[in-house]
Amino acid sequence: KAKKVLALRVDPESPESFMLRPKRRRWVNERYTRWVKSQPCTCCGKQADDPHHLIGYGQGGMGTKAHDLFVLPLCRTHHNELHADTVAFEEKYGSQLEL
């Protein structure tokens, strides 16, 4: 038996189309970030505590994290170190983009 066709209604003029600078929608993938969390810390090799979303490279926005695609595994110590002073962290370990 063939499945019924699903009728969808699409708003051709979404509210965002009227905004000068609409808020970007974040790509979220919990399964991928769980996998990143299971990897070793990119700085020391210990078990990562959570995925770090890149900061300072135009991927986020005001009150918005970068997409889940732009994450790297860090242990709690290195994650705190990065958020405390991003410039010093990158001088010590390299760019977030290269880690």
Protein backbone atom coordinates (compact mmCIF):
# COMPACT_ATOMS: atom_id res chain seq x y z
CA LYS A 1 0.00 0.00 0.00
CA ALA A 2 1.28 3.44 -0.88
CA LYS A 3 1.49 6.00 1.88
CA LYS A 4 -0.70 9.08 1.70
CA VAL A 5 0.92 12.28 0.54
CA LEU A 6 1.50 14.69 3.39
CA ALA A 7 0.17 18.16 2.67
CA LEU A 8 2.47 20.87 3.99
CA ARG A 9 1.87 24.57 4.26
CA VAL A 10 4.90 26.80 3.91
CA ASP A 11 4.86 30.45 4.81
CA PRO A 12 6.50 32.16 1.80
CA GLU A 13 7.08 35.26 3.89
CA SER A 14 8.41 34.10 7.23
CA PRO A 15 8.82 36.74 9.95
CA GLU A 16 12.61 36.58 9.47
CA SER A 17 12.25 37.82 5.88
CA PHE A 18 11.05 41.17 7.26
CA MET A 19 13.91 41.60 9.73
CA LEU A 20 16.97 43.65 8.88
CA ARG A 21 19.23 41.16 10.64
CA PRO A 22 17.35 37.99 11.55
CA LYS A 23 18.78 35.80 14.29
CA ARG A 24 20.68 32.89 12.81
CA ARG A 25 19.35 29.44 13.57
CA ARG A 26 21.85 27.13 15.19
CA TRP A 27 22.42 23.63 13.83
CA VAL A 28 22.07 21.30 16.83
CA ASN A 29 23.04 17.62 16.79
CA GLU A 30 23.09 16.05 20.25
CA ARG A 31 24.33 12.71 18.93
CA TYR A 32 27.40 14.36 17.35
CA THR A 33 28.23 16.42 20.46
CA ARG A 34 27.94 13.25 22.61
CA TRP A 35 30.46 11.58 20.27
CA VAL A 36 32.81 14.60 20.53
CA LYS A 37 32.50 14.41 24.32
CA SER A 38 33.66 10.77 24.20
CA GLN A 39 36.94 11.77 22.50
CA PRO A 40 40.15 12.68 24.36
CA CYS A 41 40.92 16.31 25.19
CA THR A 42 42.79 17.90 22.28
CA CYS A 43 45.24 19.55 24.70
CA CYS A 44 46.19 16.81 27.18
CA GLY A 45 44.60 13.56 26.00
CA LYS A 46 42.47 13.06 29.14
CA GLN A 47 38.76 12.28 28.84
CA ALA A 48 36.86 15.32 27.55
CA ASP A 49 34.09 16.64 29.82
CA ASP A 50 32.06 18.43 27.20
CA PRO A 51 32.31 19.74 23.66
CA HIS A 52 33.61 23.30 23.37
CA HIS A 53 31.85 25.48 20.79
CA LEU A 54 34.29 27.73 18.92
CA ILE A 55 34.33 31.34 20.07
CA GLY A 56 35.75 34.38 18.33
CA TYR A 57 35.61 33.13 14.73
CA GLY A 58 32.26 34.50 13.59
CA GLN A 59 30.39 31.23 14.10
CA GLY A 60 28.21 32.36 16.98
CA GLY A 61 26.34 35.57 17.55
CA MET A 62 24.91 37.72 20.29
CA GLY A 63 23.69 35.18 22.84
CA THR A 64 24.20 32.31 20.38
CA LYS A 65 26.74 29.49 20.38
CA ALA A 66 28.40 28.23 17.22
CA HIS A 67 26.71 25.36 15.40
CA ASP A 68 27.32 21.92 16.92
CA LEU A 69 29.48 21.11 13.91
CA PHE A 70 32.10 23.56 15.22
CA VAL A 71 33.04 21.88 18.51
CA LEU A 72 36.16 20.31 19.94
CA PRO A 73 36.69 17.98 22.90
CA LEU A 74 38.25 19.60 25.97
CA CYS A 75 38.63 18.43 29.56
CA ARG A 76 37.17 20.69 32.26
CA THR A 77 40.59 22.20 33.10
CA HIS A 78 41.35 23.25 29.53
CA HIS A 79 37.77 24.35 28.85
CA ASN A 80 37.94 26.69 31.87
CA GLU A 81 41.39 27.90 30.78
CA LEU A 82 40.08 28.72 27.29
CA HIS A 83 37.08 30.66 28.58
CA ALA A 84 39.21 32.53 31.13
CA ASP A 85 41.57 33.92 28.46
CA THR A 86 41.08 32.87 24.84
CA VAL A 87 44.14 34.75 23.56
CA ALA A 88 46.50 33.19 26.13
CA PHE A 89 45.00 29.74 25.50
CA GLU A 90 45.54 30.00 21.75
CA GLU A 91 49.11 31.26 22.22
CA LYS A 92 49.83 28.22 24.39
CA TYR A 93 47.96 25.46 22.48
CA GLY A 94 47.26 26.91 19.04
CA SER A 95 44.17 28.20 17.32
CA GLN A 96 40.81 26.62 18.12
CA LEU A 97 40.44 26.10 14.37
CA GLU A 98 43.62 23.99 14.26
CA LEU A 99 42.95 21.93 17.39
